[in-house]
């Protein structure tokens, strides 16, 4: 996870790219033009930390018991809103703020989430 964090922080600092930038096909194409290989870093490295951050906000139970089961019925965006009480765009904003935290603070979040499991 530390390697993922270093990569995610580098993408944001160097190119100003966030998870929201790859949310659409058009955004993905734009990201690939800006930086070869950045898409993968956003999809995997930043997304891994975004999921950890989401879990810290809402808890593992909401992810597993409220969000995932509703996806087939509502679609992922509506299921997200229903399970977590925020839109995906609101979450992208939160993740963007989270990515501005210090690395030390971010790693403490990882430790706290792992401890809580």
N, C-alpha and C. Protein backbone atom coordinates (compact mmCIF):
# COMPACT_ATOMS: atom_id res chain seq x y z
N UNK A 1 0.83 -1.20 0.00
CA UNK A 1 0.00 0.00 0.00
C UNK A 1 0.87 1.25 0.00
N UNK A 2 2.03 1.19 0.64
CA UNK A 2 2.89 2.37 0.66
C UNK A 2 3.35 2.71 -0.77
N UNK A 3 3.70 1.69 -1.55
CA UNK A 3 4.10 1.94 -2.95
C UNK A 3 2.95 2.56 -3.73
N UNK A 4 1.74 2.06 -3.50
CA UNK A 4 0.56 2.63 -4.17
C UNK A 4 0.39 4.09 -3.78
N UNK A 5 0.61 4.39 -2.51
CA UNK A 5 0.46 5.77 -2.03
C UNK A 5 1.50 6.69 -2.67
N UNK A 6 2.73 6.25 -2.72
CA UNK A 6 3.78 7.05 -3.35
C UNK A 6 3.42 7.34 -4.80
N UNK A 7 2.95 6.33 -5.51
CA UNK A 7 2.55 6.48 -6.91
C UNK A 7 1.36 7.44 -7.04
N UNK A 8 0.35 7.26 -6.22
CA UNK A 8 -0.85 8.11 -6.28
C UNK A 8 -0.50 9.56 -5.98
N UNK A 9 0.35 9.76 -4.99
CA UNK A 9 0.76 11.13 -4.64
C UNK A 9 1.57 11.77 -5.78
N UNK A 10 2.41 10.96 -6.45
CA UNK A 10 3.22 11.47 -7.54
C UNK A 10 2.34 11.93 -8.70
N UNK A 11 1.33 11.13 -9.04
CA UNK A 11 0.40 11.48 -10.12
C UNK A 11 -0.28 12.81 -9.83
N UNK A 12 -0.76 12.97 -8.61
CA UNK A 12 -1.46 14.20 -8.24
C UNK A 12 -0.51 15.39 -8.26
N UNK A 13 0.66 15.21 -7.68
CA UNK A 13 1.62 16.33 -7.59
C UNK A 13 2.19 16.70 -8.96
N UNK A 14 2.57 15.71 -9.73
CA UNK A 14 3.24 15.96 -11.01
C UNK A 14 2.28 16.40 -12.11
N UNK A 15 1.11 15.77 -12.17
CA UNK A 15 0.19 16.03 -13.28
C UNK A 15 -1.15 16.62 -12.85
N UNK A 16 -1.38 16.71 -11.55
CA UNK A 16 -2.64 17.25 -11.05
C UNK A 16 -3.83 16.36 -11.34
N UNK A 17 -3.57 15.08 -11.57
CA UNK A 17 -4.64 14.15 -11.93
C UNK A 17 -5.22 13.48 -10.69
N UNK A 18 -6.52 13.24 -10.75
CA UNK A 18 -7.21 12.61 -9.64
C UNK A 18 -8.06 11.45 -10.18
N UNK A 19 -8.65 10.71 -9.27
CA UNK A 19 -9.49 9.58 -9.65
C UNK A 19 -10.65 10.01 -10.56
N UNK A 20 -11.17 11.19 -10.33
CA UNK A 20 -12.28 11.68 -11.15
C UNK A 20 -11.88 11.82 -12.62
N UNK A 21 -10.60 12.06 -12.86
CA UNK A 21 -10.12 12.24 -14.24
C UNK A 21 -10.26 10.98 -15.09
N UNK A 22 -10.41 9.81 -14.47
CA UNK A 22 -10.56 8.58 -15.25
C UNK A 22 -11.95 7.96 -15.08
N UNK A 23 -12.89 8.78 -14.63
CA UNK A 23 -14.26 8.28 -14.40
C UNK A 23 -15.05 8.06 -15.68
N UNK A 24 -14.64 8.69 -16.77
CA UNK A 24 -15.32 8.53 -18.05
C UNK A 24 -14.32 8.10 -19.13
N UNK A 25 -14.83 7.58 -20.22
CA UNK A 25 -13.94 7.20 -21.33
C UNK A 25 -13.20 8.42 -21.89
N UNK A 26 -13.89 9.55 -21.95
CA UNK A 26 -13.24 10.77 -22.44
C UNK A 26 -12.11 11.19 -21.50
N UNK A 27 -12.38 11.09 -20.22
CA UNK A 27 -11.36 11.42 -19.23
C UNK A 27 -10.17 10.49 -19.31
N UNK A 28 -10.44 9.21 -19.52
CA UNK A 28 -9.37 8.23 -19.65
C UNK A 28 -8.48 8.54 -20.85
N UNK A 29 -9.11 8.90 -21.96
CA UNK A 29 -8.34 9.25 -23.17
C UNK A 29 -7.50 10.50 -22.92
N UNK A 30 -8.07 11.48 -22.23
CA UNK A 30 -7.33 12.71 -21.91
C UNK A 30 -6.14 12.40 -21.02
N UNK A 31 -6.34 11.56 -20.02
CA UNK A 31 -5.26 11.19 -19.10
C UNK A 31 -4.14 10.49 -19.86
N UNK A 32 -4.49 9.59 -20.77
CA UNK A 32 -3.47 8.88 -21.55
C UNK A 32 -2.67 9.81 -22.44
N UNK A 33 -3.29 10.90 -22.91
CA UNK A 33 -2.55 11.88 -23.71
C UNK A 33 -1.60 12.70 -22.85
N UNK A 34 -2.01 12.98 -21.62
CA UNK A 34 -1.19 13.77 -20.70
C UNK A 34 0.01 12.98 -20.23
N UNK A 35 -0.22 11.71 -19.92
CA UNK A 35 0.84 10.93 -19.28
C UNK A 35 0.66 9.46 -19.58
N UNK A 36 1.57 8.89 -20.31
CA UNK A 36 1.51 7.46 -20.60
C UNK A 36 1.76 6.69 -19.31
N UNK A 37 0.82 5.84 -18.95
CA UNK A 37 0.95 5.06 -17.72
C UNK A 37 0.23 5.65 -16.53
N UNK A 38 -0.21 6.90 -16.63
CA UNK A 38 -0.90 7.52 -15.50
C UNK A 38 -2.26 6.89 -15.25
N UNK A 39 -2.92 6.45 -16.31
CA UNK A 39 -4.24 5.85 -16.14
C UNK A 39 -4.20 4.66 -15.20
N UNK A 40 -3.24 3.78 -15.42
CA UNK A 40 -3.09 2.62 -14.55
C UNK A 40 -2.82 3.00 -13.11
N UNK A 41 -2.02 4.02 -12.92
CA UNK A 41 -1.73 4.48 -11.56
C UNK A 41 -2.99 5.03 -10.90
N UNK A 42 -3.80 5.72 -11.68
CA UNK A 42 -5.05 6.24 -11.12
C UNK A 42 -6.03 5.11 -10.86
N UNK A 43 -6.15 4.18 -11.81
CA UNK A 43 -7.11 3.08 -11.65
C UNK A 43 -6.77 2.22 -10.44
N UNK A 44 -5.51 1.92 -10.27
CA UNK A 44 -5.12 0.95 -9.24
C UNK A 44 -4.56 1.60 -7.97
N UNK A 45 -3.57 2.43 -8.11
CA UNK A 45 -2.91 2.98 -6.93
C UNK A 45 -3.80 3.98 -6.19
N UNK A 46 -4.32 4.94 -6.92
CA UNK A 46 -5.19 5.93 -6.28
C UNK A 46 -6.49 5.28 -5.84
N UNK A 47 -7.05 4.39 -6.66
CA UNK A 47 -8.31 3.74 -6.30
C UNK A 47 -8.16 2.88 -5.05
N UNK A 48 -7.02 2.23 -4.87
CA UNK A 48 -6.81 1.42 -3.66
C UNK A 48 -6.89 2.30 -2.42
N UNK A 49 -6.29 3.46 -2.49
CA UNK A 49 -6.33 4.38 -1.35
C UNK A 49 -7.69 5.03 -1.21
N UNK A 50 -8.36 5.27 -2.31
CA UNK A 50 -9.72 5.82 -2.23
C UNK A 50 -10.65 4.84 -1.52
N UNK A 51 -10.51 3.56 -1.82
CA UNK A 51 -11.35 2.56 -1.16
C UNK A 51 -11.02 2.46 0.33
N UNK A 52 -9.76 2.54 0.66
CA UNK A 52 -9.37 2.52 2.07
C UNK A 52 -9.95 3.74 2.79
N UNK A 53 -9.87 4.88 2.14
CA UNK A 53 -10.42 6.11 2.72
C UNK A 53 -11.94 5.98 2.88
N UNK A 54 -12.61 5.45 1.86
CA UNK A 54 -14.06 5.25 1.94
C UNK A 54 -14.39 4.33 3.11
N UNK A 55 -13.65 3.26 3.25
CA UNK A 55 -13.90 2.35 4.36
C UNK A 55 -13.72 3.06 5.70
N UNK A 56 -12.74 3.95 5.78
CA UNK A 56 -12.54 4.69 7.03
C UNK A 56 -13.71 5.63 7.32
N UNK A 57 -14.35 6.12 6.28
CA UNK A 57 -15.48 7.03 6.44
C UNK A 57 -16.77 6.31 6.80
N UNK A 58 -17.03 5.18 6.15
CA UNK A 58 -18.34 4.54 6.26
C UNK A 58 -18.32 3.18 6.94
N UNK A 59 -17.16 2.56 7.05
CA UNK A 59 -17.05 1.24 7.64
C UNK A 59 -17.17 0.13 6.62
N UNK A 60 -16.54 -0.96 6.93
CA UNK A 60 -16.51 -2.12 6.03
C UNK A 60 -17.90 -2.71 5.82
N UNK A 61 -18.72 -2.70 6.87
CA UNK A 61 -20.06 -3.29 6.76
C UNK A 61 -20.91 -2.61 5.68
N UNK A 62 -20.84 -1.28 5.60
CA UNK A 62 -21.64 -0.59 4.57
C UNK A 62 -21.17 -0.97 3.17
N UNK A 63 -19.87 -1.13 3.01
CA UNK A 63 -19.36 -1.54 1.70
C UNK A 63 -19.91 -2.90 1.31
N UNK A 64 -19.80 -3.83 2.21
CA UNK A 64 -20.14 -5.21 1.89
C UNK A 64 -21.64 -5.48 1.95
N UNK A 65 -22.30 -4.95 2.95
CA UNK A 65 -23.71 -5.30 3.17
C UNK A 65 -24.71 -4.35 2.54
N UNK A 66 -24.31 -3.09 2.32
CA UNK A 66 -25.28 -2.12 1.77
C UNK A 66 -24.97 -1.73 0.33
N UNK A 67 -23.70 -1.52 0.02
CA UNK A 67 -23.35 -1.03 -1.31
C UNK A 67 -23.35 -2.15 -2.36
N UNK A 68 -22.49 -3.13 -2.18
CA UNK A 68 -22.33 -4.17 -3.20
C UNK A 68 -23.64 -4.88 -3.56
N UNK A 69 -24.48 -5.26 -2.61
CA UNK A 69 -25.71 -5.96 -2.99
C UNK A 69 -26.69 -5.11 -3.81
N UNK A 70 -26.60 -3.79 -3.72
CA UNK A 70 -27.54 -2.92 -4.42
C UNK A 70 -27.11 -2.57 -5.85
N UNK A 71 -25.84 -2.81 -6.18
CA UNK A 71 -25.34 -2.44 -7.50
C UNK A 71 -26.16 -3.06 -8.64
N UNK A 72 -26.47 -4.36 -8.61
CA UNK A 72 -27.24 -4.93 -9.73
C UNK A 72 -28.63 -4.32 -9.90
N UNK A 73 -29.19 -3.81 -8.82
CA UNK A 73 -30.56 -3.28 -8.87
C UNK A 73 -30.62 -1.78 -9.17
N UNK A 74 -29.66 -1.05 -8.63
CA UNK A 74 -29.70 0.41 -8.77
C UNK A 74 -28.64 0.97 -9.72
N UNK A 75 -27.64 0.19 -10.05
CA UNK A 75 -26.46 0.72 -10.74
C UNK A 75 -25.50 1.24 -9.70
N UNK A 76 -24.22 1.32 -10.04
CA UNK A 76 -23.23 1.64 -9.02
C UNK A 76 -23.35 3.05 -8.46
N UNK A 77 -23.73 4.03 -9.28
CA UNK A 77 -23.82 5.42 -8.78
C UNK A 77 -24.97 5.60 -7.79
N UNK A 78 -26.15 5.06 -8.13
CA UNK A 78 -27.29 5.19 -7.22
C UNK A 78 -27.07 4.36 -5.96
N UNK A 79 -26.47 3.18 -6.11
CA UNK A 79 -26.17 2.34 -4.95
C UNK A 79 -25.18 3.04 -4.04
N UNK A 80 -24.22 3.73 -4.63
CA UNK A 80 -23.22 4.48 -3.86
C UNK A 80 -23.91 5.56 -3.02
N UNK A 81 -24.77 6.33 -3.66
CA UNK A 81 -25.50 7.40 -2.99
C UNK A 81 -26.38 6.84 -1.86
N UNK A 82 -27.08 5.77 -2.14
CA UNK A 82 -27.98 5.19 -1.15
C UNK A 82 -27.19 4.62 0.04
N UNK A 83 -26.11 3.93 -0.22
CA UNK A 83 -25.34 3.28 0.85
C UNK A 83 -24.54 4.26 1.69
N UNK A 84 -24.00 5.28 1.05
CA UNK A 84 -23.04 6.15 1.75
C UNK A 84 -23.54 7.57 2.00
N UNK A 85 -24.69 7.92 1.45
CA UNK A 85 -25.25 9.23 1.69
C UNK A 85 -24.50 10.37 1.03
N UNK A 86 -23.76 10.05 -0.02
CA UNK A 86 -23.05 11.08 -0.80
C UNK A 86 -22.96 10.61 -2.24
N UNK A 87 -22.92 11.57 -3.14
CA UNK A 87 -22.78 11.22 -4.55
C UNK A 87 -21.33 10.84 -4.83
N UNK A 88 -21.11 10.23 -5.96
CA UNK A 88 -19.74 9.87 -6.33
C UNK A 88 -18.91 11.13 -6.52
N UNK A 89 -19.50 12.22 -7.02
CA UNK A 89 -18.75 13.47 -7.17
C UNK A 89 -18.35 14.05 -5.82
N UNK A 90 -19.23 13.93 -4.83
CA UNK A 90 -18.87 14.38 -3.49
C UNK A 90 -17.72 13.54 -2.94
N UNK A 91 -17.76 12.25 -3.24
CA UNK A 91 -16.67 11.38 -2.78
C UNK A 91 -15.36 11.74 -3.49
N UNK A 92 -15.42 12.00 -4.80
CA UNK A 92 -14.20 12.40 -5.51
C UNK A 92 -13.59 13.64 -4.87
N UNK A 93 -14.42 14.58 -4.45
CA UNK A 93 -13.93 15.79 -3.79
C UNK A 93 -13.24 15.42 -2.47
N UNK A 94 -13.85 14.53 -1.72
CA UNK A 94 -13.25 14.08 -0.45
C UNK A 94 -11.92 13.37 -0.69
N UNK A 95 -11.86 12.52 -1.71
CA UNK A 95 -10.62 11.81 -2.01
C UNK A 95 -9.54 12.80 -2.43
N UNK A 96 -9.92 13.80 -3.20
CA UNK A 96 -8.95 14.81 -3.63
C UNK A 96 -8.36 15.53 -2.41
N UNK A 97 -9.21 15.86 -1.45
CA UNK A 97 -8.71 16.48 -0.20
C UNK A 97 -7.82 15.51 0.57
N UNK A 98 -8.26 14.26 0.62
CA UNK A 98 -7.47 13.23 1.31
C UNK A 98 -6.08 13.10 0.69
N UNK A 99 -6.00 13.18 -0.63
CA UNK A 99 -4.70 13.05 -1.30
C UNK A 99 -3.78 14.23 -1.00
N UNK A 100 -4.31 15.30 -0.45
CA UNK A 100 -3.49 16.44 -0.04
C UNK A 100 -2.99 16.31 1.40
N UNK A 101 -3.49 15.31 2.13
CA UNK A 101 -2.98 15.08 3.48
C UNK A 101 -1.50 14.73 3.41
N UNK A 102 -0.83 14.84 4.53
CA UNK A 102 0.57 14.41 4.57
C UNK A 102 0.63 12.89 4.44
N UNK A 103 1.72 12.41 3.92
CA UNK A 103 1.89 10.96 3.77
C UNK A 103 1.81 10.28 5.14
N UNK A 104 2.37 10.90 6.15
CA UNK A 104 2.32 10.33 7.50
C UNK A 104 0.88 10.15 7.96
N UNK A 105 0.07 11.17 7.75
CA UNK A 105 -1.34 11.09 8.15
C UNK A 105 -2.08 10.02 7.36
N UNK A 106 -1.79 9.91 6.08
CA UNK A 106 -2.42 8.89 5.25
C UNK A 106 -2.04 7.49 5.72
N UNK A 107 -0.77 7.29 6.05
CA UNK A 107 -0.33 5.98 6.52
C UNK A 107 -0.93 5.63 7.88
N UNK A 108 -1.17 6.65 8.70
CA UNK A 108 -1.84 6.41 9.99
C UNK A 108 -3.27 5.93 9.76
N UNK A 109 -3.90 6.44 8.73
CA UNK A 109 -5.25 5.98 8.39
C UNK A 109 -5.22 4.50 8.02
N UNK A 110 -4.23 4.10 7.24
CA UNK A 110 -4.08 2.70 6.87
C UNK A 110 -3.95 1.83 8.13
N UNK A 111 -3.11 2.25 9.04
CA UNK A 111 -2.91 1.49 10.27
C UNK A 111 -4.20 1.40 11.08
N UNK A 112 -4.94 2.51 11.14
CA UNK A 112 -6.19 2.54 11.91
C UNK A 112 -7.23 1.62 11.30
N UNK A 113 -7.34 1.62 9.98
CA UNK A 113 -8.33 0.77 9.31
C UNK A 113 -7.95 -0.70 9.49
N UNK A 114 -6.67 -1.02 9.34
CA UNK A 114 -6.23 -2.41 9.53
C UNK A 114 -6.47 -2.86 10.96
N UNK A 115 -6.24 -1.98 11.91
CA UNK A 115 -6.43 -2.31 13.32
C UNK A 115 -7.91 -2.57 13.63
N UNK A 116 -8.78 -1.81 12.98
CA UNK A 116 -10.22 -1.92 13.20
C UNK A 116 -10.84 -3.17 12.62
N UNK A 117 -10.15 -3.85 11.75
CA UNK A 117 -10.70 -5.05 11.09
C UNK A 117 -10.68 -6.24 12.02
